[in-house]
Amino acid sequence: MKSETAAKFVPAGSREELVAGIRAGDESAWRATSEQYEPLLRWLARRCGLSAEDAGDAVQLTWLRCMKHIDQLTKTNKLNN
């Protein structure tokens, strides 16, 4: 997979709207989120040396954890916190 995958960007308002939609049970918000971020997640997993099969498992686990903790996502969350 090309490294440009990691460079895709979603404006902050769009991310917040997607999370709000997922919280509200909007299937289209979940679909849009997975279409936007799954290539990046797969790229990261492969970049860490996982096989295609293991990368798929890692991505699936990531989505499960995302859903489990969706109510903890806020616009103030940052990677360095």
PDB file of N, CA and C in Angstrom:
ATOM      1  N   MET A   1       0.836  -1.174   0.000  1.00  0.00           N
ATOM      2  CA  MET A   1       0.000   0.000   0.000  1.00  0.00           C
ATOM      3  C   MET A   1       0.884   1.242   0.000  1.00  0.00           C
ATOM      4  N   LYS A   2       0.503   2.253  -0.707  1.00  0.00           N
ATOM      5  CA  LYS A   2       1.313   3.461  -0.817  1.00  0.00           C
ATOM      6  C   LYS A   2       1.235   4.284   0.455  1.00  0.00           C
ATOM      7  N   SER A   3       2.292   5.046   0.718  1.00  0.00           N
ATOM      8  CA  SER A   3       2.332   5.846   1.940  1.00  0.00           C
ATOM      9  C   SER A   3       1.364   7.024   1.898  1.00  0.00           C
ATOM     10  N   GLU A   4       0.836   7.386   0.714  1.00  0.00           N
ATOM     11  CA  GLU A   4      -0.144   8.472   0.648  1.00  0.00           C
ATOM     12  C   GLU A   4      -1.386   8.133   1.462  1.00  0.00           C
ATOM     13  N   THR A   5      -1.648   6.850   1.676  1.00  0.00           N
ATOM     14  CA  THR A   5      -2.805   6.440   2.466  1.00  0.00           C
ATOM     15  C   THR A   5      -2.768   7.095   3.836  1.00  0.00           C
ATOM     16  N   ALA A   6      -1.594   7.177   4.405  1.00  0.00           N
ATOM     17  CA  ALA A   6      -1.455   7.764   5.736  1.00  0.00           C
ATOM     18  C   ALA A   6      -1.671   9.267   5.716  1.00  0.00           C
ATOM     19  N   ALA A   7      -1.616   9.883   4.557  1.00  0.00           N
ATOM     20  CA  ALA A   7      -1.728  11.336   4.474  1.00  0.00           C
ATOM     21  C   ALA A   7      -3.158  11.830   4.304  1.00  0.00           C
ATOM     22  N   LYS A   8      -4.141  10.933   4.146  1.00  0.00           N
ATOM     23  CA  LYS A   8      -5.530  11.371   3.990  1.00  0.00           C
ATOM     24  C   LYS A   8      -5.961  12.103   5.253  1.00  0.00           C
ATOM     25  N   PHE A   9      -6.822  13.101   5.090  1.00  0.00           N
ATOM     26  CA  PHE A   9      -7.202  13.954   6.201  1.00  0.00           C
ATOM     27  C   PHE A   9      -8.695  14.219   6.179  1.00  0.00           C
ATOM     28  N   VAL A  10      -9.310  14.188   7.334  1.00  0.00           N
ATOM     29  CA  VAL A  10     -10.718  14.536   7.479  1.00  0.00           C
ATOM     30  C   VAL A  10     -10.778  15.778   8.343  1.00  0.00           C
ATOM     31  N   PRO A  11     -11.458  16.848   7.900  1.00  0.00           N
ATOM     32  CA  PRO A  11     -11.571  18.046   8.728  1.00  0.00           C
ATOM     33  C   PRO A  11     -12.176  17.718  10.096  1.00  0.00           C
ATOM     34  N   ALA A  12     -11.756  18.451  11.125  1.00  0.00           N
ATOM     35  CA  ALA A  12     -12.176  18.157  12.499  1.00  0.00           C
ATOM     36  C   ALA A  12     -13.696  18.116  12.642  1.00  0.00           C
ATOM     37  N   GLY A  13     -14.407  19.026  12.021  1.00  0.00           N
ATOM     38  CA  GLY A  13     -15.862  19.029  12.096  1.00  0.00           C
ATOM     39  C   GLY A  13     -16.445  17.742  11.583  1.00  0.00           C
ATOM     40  N   SER A  14     -15.875  17.224  10.523  1.00  0.00           N
ATOM     41  CA  SER A  14     -16.360  15.971   9.954  1.00  0.00           C
ATOM     42  C   SER A  14     -16.138  14.813  10.916  1.00  0.00           C
ATOM     43  N   ARG A  15     -14.980  14.758  11.569  1.00  0.00           N
ATOM     44  CA  ARG A  15     -14.720  13.702  12.543  1.00  0.00           C
ATOM     45  C   ARG A  15     -15.735  13.755  13.675  1.00  0.00           C
ATOM     46  N   GLU A  16     -15.991  14.949  14.175  1.00  0.00           N
ATOM     47  CA  GLU A  16     -16.945  15.107  15.266  1.00  0.00           C
ATOM     48  C   GLU A  16     -18.345  14.689  14.839  1.00  0.00           C
ATOM     49  N   GLU A  17     -18.715  15.035  13.615  1.00  0.00           N
ATOM     50  CA  GLU A  17     -20.032  14.645  13.106  1.00  0.00           C
ATOM     51  C   GLU A  17     -20.136  13.136  12.954  1.00  0.00           C
ATOM     52  N   LEU A  18     -19.066  12.518  12.481  1.00  0.00           N
ATOM     53  CA  LEU A  18     -19.077  11.063  12.324  1.00  0.00           C
ATOM     54  C   LEU A  18     -19.214  10.373  13.671  1.00  0.00           C
ATOM     55  N   VAL A  19     -18.462  10.812  14.665  1.00  0.00           N
ATOM     56  CA  VAL A  19     -18.546  10.206  15.999  1.00  0.00           C
ATOM     57  C   VAL A  19     -19.951  10.403  16.565  1.00  0.00           C
ATOM     58  N   ALA A  20     -20.504  11.599  16.400  1.00  0.00           N
ATOM     59  CA  ALA A  20     -21.865  11.853  16.886  1.00  0.00           C
ATOM     60  C   ALA A  20     -22.864  10.944  16.180  1.00  0.00           C
ATOM     61  N   GLY A  21     -22.681  10.758  14.885  1.00  0.00           N
ATOM     62  CA  GLY A  21     -23.568   9.879  14.140  1.00  0.00           C
ATOM     63  C   GLY A  21     -23.459   8.434  14.601  1.00  0.00           C
ATOM     64  N   ILE A  22     -22.239   7.976  14.848  1.00  0.00           N
ATOM     65  CA  ILE A  22     -22.046   6.606  15.335  1.00  0.00           C
ATOM     66  C   ILE A  22     -22.712   6.439  16.696  1.00  0.00           C
ATOM     67  N   ARG A  23     -22.538   7.419  17.565  1.00  0.00           N
ATOM     68  CA  ARG A  23     -23.174   7.352  18.888  1.00  0.00           C
ATOM     69  C   ARG A  23     -24.691   7.274  18.768  1.00  0.00           C
ATOM     70  N   ALA A  24     -25.241   7.952  17.744  1.00  0.00           N
ATOM     71  CA  ALA A  24     -26.691   7.978  17.541  1.00  0.00           C
ATOM     72  C   ALA A  24     -27.187   6.738  16.803  1.00  0.00           C
ATOM     73  N   GLY A  25     -26.277   5.846  16.409  1.00  0.00           N
ATOM     74  CA  GLY A  25     -26.674   4.627  15.721  1.00  0.00           C
ATOM     75  C   GLY A  25     -26.831   4.778  14.222  1.00  0.00           C
ATOM     76  N   ASP A  26     -26.261   5.831  13.652  1.00  0.00           N
ATOM     77  CA  ASP A  26     -26.344   6.078  12.209  1.00  0.00           C
ATOM     78  C   ASP A  26     -25.371   5.167  11.469  1.00  0.00           C
ATOM     79  N   GLU A  27     -25.903   4.189  10.757  1.00  0.00           N
ATOM     80  CA  GLU A  27     -25.067   3.228  10.048  1.00  0.00           C
ATOM     81  C   GLU A  27     -24.218   3.895   8.969  1.00  0.00           C
ATOM     82  N   SER A  28     -24.735   4.942   8.344  1.00  0.00           N
ATOM     83  CA  SER A  28     -23.959   5.624   7.299  1.00  0.00           C
ATOM     84  C   SER A  28     -22.740   6.335   7.889  1.00  0.00           C
ATOM     85  N   ALA A  29     -22.834   6.805   9.132  1.00  0.00           N
ATOM     86  CA  ALA A  29     -21.682   7.429   9.789  1.00  0.00           C
ATOM     87  C   ALA A  29     -20.608   6.380  10.062  1.00  0.00           C
ATOM     88  N   TRP A  30     -21.033   5.192  10.485  1.00  0.00           N
ATOM     89  CA  TRP A  30     -20.070   4.105  10.716  1.00  0.00           C
ATOM     90  C   TRP A  30     -19.404   3.713   9.405  1.00  0.00           C
ATOM     91  N   ARG A  31     -20.187   3.589   8.341  1.00  0.00           N
ATOM     92  CA  ARG A  31     -19.652   3.207   7.032  1.00  0.00           C
ATOM     93  C   ARG A  31     -18.645   4.255   6.552  1.00  0.00           C
ATOM     94  N   ALA A  32     -18.991   5.534   6.679  1.00  0.00           N
ATOM     95  CA  ALA A  32     -18.094   6.610   6.246  1.00  0.00           C
ATOM     96  C   ALA A  32     -16.798   6.599   7.058  1.00  0.00           C
ATOM     97  N   THR A  33     -16.907   6.347   8.352  1.00  0.00           N
ATOM     98  CA  THR A  33     -15.723   6.295   9.211  1.00  0.00           C
ATOM     99  C   THR A  33     -14.817   5.138   8.815  1.00  0.00           C
ATOM    100  N   SER A  34     -15.405   3.975   8.612  1.00  0.00           N
ATOM    101  CA  SER A  34     -14.577   2.824   8.261  1.00  0.00           C
ATOM    102  C   SER A  34     -13.959   2.999   6.880  1.00  0.00           C
ATOM    103  N   GLU A  35     -14.686   3.585   5.932  1.00  0.00           N
ATOM    104  CA  GLU A  35     -14.115   3.834   4.602  1.00  0.00           C
ATOM    105  C   GLU A  35     -12.949   4.821   4.676  1.00  0.00           C
ATOM    106  N   GLN A  36     -13.061   5.779   5.576  1.00  0.00           N
ATOM    107  CA  GLN A  36     -12.016   6.798   5.705  1.00  0.00           C
ATOM    108  C   GLN A  36     -10.773   6.254   6.401  1.00  0.00           C
ATOM    109  N   TYR A  37     -10.953   5.489   7.466  1.00  0.00           N
ATOM    110  CA  TYR A  37      -9.825   5.116   8.316  1.00  0.00           C
ATOM    111  C   TYR A  37      -9.297   3.702   8.139  1.00  0.00           C
ATOM    112  N   GLU A  38     -10.075   2.804   7.552  1.00  0.00           N
ATOM    113  CA  GLU A  38      -9.598   1.424   7.424  1.00  0.00           C
ATOM    114  C   GLU A  38      -8.326   1.315   6.591  1.00  0.00           C
ATOM    115  N   PRO A  39      -8.195   2.037   5.468  1.00  0.00           N
ATOM    116  CA  PRO A  39      -6.923   1.946   4.734  1.00  0.00           C
ATOM    117  C   PRO A  39      -5.717   2.365   5.592  1.00  0.00           C
ATOM    118  N   LEU A  40      -5.878   3.393   6.381  1.00  0.00           N
ATOM    119  CA  LEU A  40      -4.800   3.837   7.256  1.00  0.00           C
ATOM    120  C   LEU A  40      -4.480   2.766   8.305  1.00  0.00           C
ATOM    121  N   LEU A  41      -5.515   2.199   8.909  1.00  0.00           N
ATOM    122  CA  LEU A  41      -5.295   1.159   9.912  1.00  0.00           C
ATOM    123  C   LEU A  41      -4.576  -0.043   9.309  1.00  0.00           C
ATOM    124  N   ARG A  42      -4.986  -0.458   8.116  1.00  0.00           N
ATOM    125  CA  ARG A  42      -4.326  -1.587   7.455  1.00  0.00           C
ATOM    126  C   ARG A  42      -2.870  -1.246   7.114  1.00  0.00           C
ATOM    127  N   TRP A  43      -2.652  -0.026   6.638  1.00  0.00           N
ATOM    128  CA  TRP A  43      -1.296   0.414   6.311  1.00  0.00           C
ATOM    129  C   TRP A  43      -0.414   0.375   7.559  1.00  0.00           C
ATOM    130  N   LEU A  44      -0.940   0.896   8.671  1.00  0.00           N
ATOM    131  CA  LEU A  44      -0.166   0.902   9.918  1.00  0.00           C
ATOM    132  C   LEU A  44       0.146  -0.513  10.391  1.00  0.00           C
ATOM    133  N   ALA A  45      -0.834  -1.389  10.330  1.00  0.00           N
ATOM    134  CA  ALA A  45      -0.620  -2.765  10.764  1.00  0.00           C
ATOM    135  C   ALA A  45       0.436  -3.448   9.902  1.00  0.00           C
ATOM    136  N   ARG A  46       0.360  -3.246   8.602  1.00  0.00           N
ATOM    137  CA  ARG A  46       1.348  -3.851   7.707  1.00  0.00           C
ATOM    138  C   ARG A  46       2.720  -3.224   7.929  1.00  0.00           C
ATOM    139  N   ARG A  47       2.746  -1.931   8.186  1.00  0.00           N
ATOM    140  CA  ARG A  47       4.007  -1.228   8.441  1.00  0.00           C
ATOM    141  C   ARG A  47       4.697  -1.764   9.695  1.00  0.00           C
ATOM    142  N   CYS A  48       3.890  -2.253  10.635  1.00  0.00           N
ATOM    143  CA  CYS A  48       4.436  -2.856  11.857  1.00  0.00           C
ATOM    144  C   CYS A  48       4.891  -4.290  11.627  1.00  0.00           C
ATOM    145  N   GLY A  49       4.781  -4.774  10.403  1.00  0.00           N
ATOM    146  CA  GLY A  49       5.287  -6.086  10.065  1.00  0.00           C
ATOM    147  C   GLY A  49       4.281  -7.219  10.136  1.00  0.00           C
ATOM    148  N   LEU A  50       3.001  -6.903  10.309  1.00  0.00           N
ATOM    149  CA  LEU A  50       2.000  -7.957  10.375  1.00  0.00           C
ATOM    150  C   LEU A  50       1.703  -8.502   8.983  1.00  0.00           C
ATOM    151  N   SER A  51       1.381  -9.781   8.921  1.00  0.00           N
ATOM    152  CA  SER A  51       0.941 -10.376   7.659  1.00  0.00           C
ATOM    153  C   SER A  51      -0.418  -9.778   7.299  1.00  0.00           C
ATOM    154  N   ALA A  52      -0.862  -9.997   6.078  1.00  0.00           N
ATOM    155  CA  ALA A  52      -2.160  -9.475   5.652  1.00  0.00           C
ATOM    156  C   ALA A  52      -3.277 -10.010   6.558  1.00  0.00           C
ATOM    157  N   GLU A  53      -3.206 -11.296   6.891  1.00  0.00           N
ATOM    158  CA  GLU A  53      -4.227 -11.901   7.753  1.00  0.00           C
ATOM    159  C   GLU A  53      -4.187 -11.303   9.156  1.00  0.00           C
ATOM    160  N   ASP A  54      -2.994 -11.182   9.728  1.00  0.00           N
ATOM    161  CA  ASP A  54      -2.868 -10.603  11.064  1.00  0.00           C
ATOM    162  C   ASP A  54      -3.250  -9.124  11.068  1.00  0.00           C
ATOM    163  N   ALA A  55      -2.934  -8.431   9.996  1.00  0.00           N
ATOM    164  CA  ALA A  55      -3.328  -7.020   9.891  1.00  0.00           C
ATOM    165  C   ALA A  55      -4.849  -6.902   9.899  1.00  0.00           C
ATOM    166  N   GLY A  56      -5.523  -7.799   9.180  1.00  0.00           N
ATOM    167  CA  GLY A  56      -6.990  -7.801   9.181  1.00  0.00           C
ATOM    168  C   GLY A  56      -7.549  -8.023  10.577  1.00  0.00           C
ATOM    169  N   ASP A  57      -6.939  -8.945  11.323  1.00  0.00           N
ATOM    170  CA  ASP A  57      -7.363  -9.194  12.707  1.00  0.00           C
ATOM    171  C   ASP A  57      -7.135  -7.962  13.578  1.00  0.00           C
ATOM    172  N   ALA A  58      -5.987  -7.310  13.398  1.00  0.00           N
ATOM    173  CA  ALA A  58      -5.674  -6.111  14.188  1.00  0.00           C
ATOM    174  C   ALA A  58      -6.652  -4.989  13.892  1.00  0.00           C
ATOM    175  N   VAL A  59      -6.993  -4.826  12.627  1.00  0.00           N
ATOM    176  CA  VAL A  59      -7.953  -3.786  12.242  1.00  0.00           C
ATOM    177  C   VAL A  59      -9.323  -4.094  12.845  1.00  0.00           C
ATOM    178  N   GLN A  60      -9.744  -5.339  12.770  1.00  0.00           N
ATOM    179  CA  GLN A  60     -11.030  -5.720  13.344  1.00  0.00           C
ATOM    180  C   GLN A  60     -11.056  -5.448  14.849  1.00  0.00           C
ATOM    181  N   LEU A  61      -9.984  -5.792  15.543  1.00  0.00           N
ATOM    182  CA  LEU A  61      -9.905  -5.538  16.981  1.00  0.00           C
ATOM    183  C   LEU A  61      -9.937  -4.035  17.270  1.00  0.00           C
ATOM    184  N   THR A  62      -9.280  -3.265  16.423  1.00  0.00           N
ATOM    185  CA  THR A  62      -9.300  -1.802  16.584  1.00  0.00           C
ATOM    186  C   THR A  62     -10.718  -1.263  16.492  1.00  0.00           C
ATOM    187  N   TRP A  63     -11.476  -1.734  15.487  1.00  0.00           N
ATOM    188  CA  TRP A  63     -12.864  -1.277  15.336  1.00  0.00           C
ATOM    189  C   TRP A  63     -13.717  -1.707  16.523  1.00  0.00           C
ATOM    190  N   LEU A  64     -13.519  -2.921  17.014  1.00  0.00           N
ATOM    191  CA  LEU A  64     -14.285  -3.371  18.184  1.00  0.00           C
ATOM    192  C   LEU A  64     -14.010  -2.493  19.400  1.00  0.00           C
ATOM    193  N   ARG A  65     -12.745  -2.177  19.600  1.00  0.00           N
ATOM    194  CA  ARG A  65     -12.391  -1.313  20.745  1.00  0.00           C
ATOM    195  C   ARG A  65     -12.913   0.104  20.551  1.00  0.00           C
ATOM    196  N   CYS A  66     -12.902   0.558  19.317  1.00  0.00           N
ATOM    197  CA  CYS A  66     -13.453   1.884  19.019  1.00  0.00           C
ATOM    198  C   CYS A  66     -14.930   1.934  19.403  1.00  0.00           C
ATOM    199  N   MET A  67     -15.672   0.904  19.001  1.00  0.00           N
ATOM    200  CA  MET A  67     -17.096   0.876  19.332  1.00  0.00           C
ATOM    201  C   MET A  67     -17.316   0.772  20.842  1.00  0.00           C
ATOM    202  N   LYS A  68     -16.508  -0.029  21.500  1.00  0.00           N
ATOM    203  CA  LYS A  68     -16.649  -0.198  22.942  1.00  0.00           C
ATOM    204  C   LYS A  68     -16.440   1.121  23.683  1.00  0.00           C
ATOM    205  N   HIS A  69     -15.536   1.954  23.175  1.00  0.00           N
ATOM    206  CA  HIS A  69     -15.159   3.183  23.866  1.00  0.00           C
ATOM    207  C   HIS A  69     -15.624   4.446  23.129  1.00  0.00           C
ATOM    208  N   ILE A  70     -16.600   4.315  22.254  1.00  0.00           N
ATOM    209  CA  ILE A  70     -17.039   5.457  21.446  1.00  0.00           C
ATOM    210  C   ILE A  70     -17.488   6.640  22.315  1.00  0.00           C
ATOM    211  N   ASP A  71     -18.057   6.370  23.471  1.00  0.00           N
ATOM    212  CA  ASP A  71     -18.515   7.461  24.329  1.00  0.00           C
ATOM    213  C   ASP A  71     -17.371   8.210  25.002  1.00  0.00           C
ATOM    214  N   GLN A  72     -16.162   7.658  24.927  1.00  0.00           N
ATOM    215  CA  GLN A  72     -15.007   8.331  25.515  1.00  0.00           C
ATOM    216  C   GLN A  72     -14.315   9.265  24.516  1.00  0.00           C
ATOM    217  N   LEU A  73     -14.709   9.183  23.252  1.00  0.00           N
ATOM    218  CA  LEU A  73     -14.094  10.047  22.247  1.00  0.00           C
ATOM    219  C   LEU A  73     -14.667  11.452  22.348  1.00  0.00           C
ATOM    220  N   THR A  74     -13.793  12.409  22.481  1.00  0.00           N
ATOM    221  CA  THR A  74     -14.206  13.809  22.505  1.00  0.00           C
ATOM    222  C   THR A  74     -13.261  14.607  21.629  1.00  0.00           C
ATOM    223  N   LYS A  75     -13.639  15.823  21.304  1.00  0.00           N
ATOM    224  CA  LYS A  75     -12.776  16.632  20.458  1.00  0.00           C
ATOM    225  C   LYS A  75     -11.508  17.080  21.194  1.00  0.00           C
ATOM    226  N   THR A  76     -11.456  16.918  22.501  1.00  0.00           N
ATOM    227  CA  THR A  76     -10.272  17.311  23.252  1.00  0.00           C
ATOM    228  C   THR A  76      -9.279  16.165  23.399  1.00  0.00           C
ATOM    229  N   ASN A  77      -9.670  14.925  23.019  1.00  0.00           N
ATOM    230  CA  ASN A  77      -8.726  13.804  23.086  1.00  0.00           C
ATOM    231  C   ASN A  77      -7.591  14.047  22.122  1.00  0.00           C
ATOM    232  N   LYS A  78      -6.376  13.796  22.586  1.00  0.00           N
ATOM    233  CA  LYS A  78      -5.194  13.936  21.755  1.00  0.00           C
ATOM    234  C   LYS A  78      -4.311  12.719  21.956  1.00  0.00           C
ATOM    235  N   LEU A  79      -3.514  12.403  20.960  1.00  0.00           N
ATOM    236  CA  LEU A  79      -2.645  11.238  21.060  1.00  0.00           C
ATOM    237  C   LEU A  79      -1.620  11.361  22.175  1.00  0.00           C
ATOM    238  N   ASN A  80      -1.212  12.578  22.510  1.00  0.00           N
ATOM    239  CA  ASN A  80      -0.157  12.746  23.496  1.00  0.00           C
ATOM    240  C   ASN A  80      -0.681  12.877  24.919  1.00  0.00           C
ATOM    241  N   ASN A  81      -1.966  12.679  25.163  1.00  0.00           N
ATOM    242  CA  ASN A  81      -2.511  12.748  26.530  1.00  0.00           C
ATOM    243  C   ASN A  81      -2.350  11.438  27.221  1.00  0.00           C
TER     244      ASN A  81
END
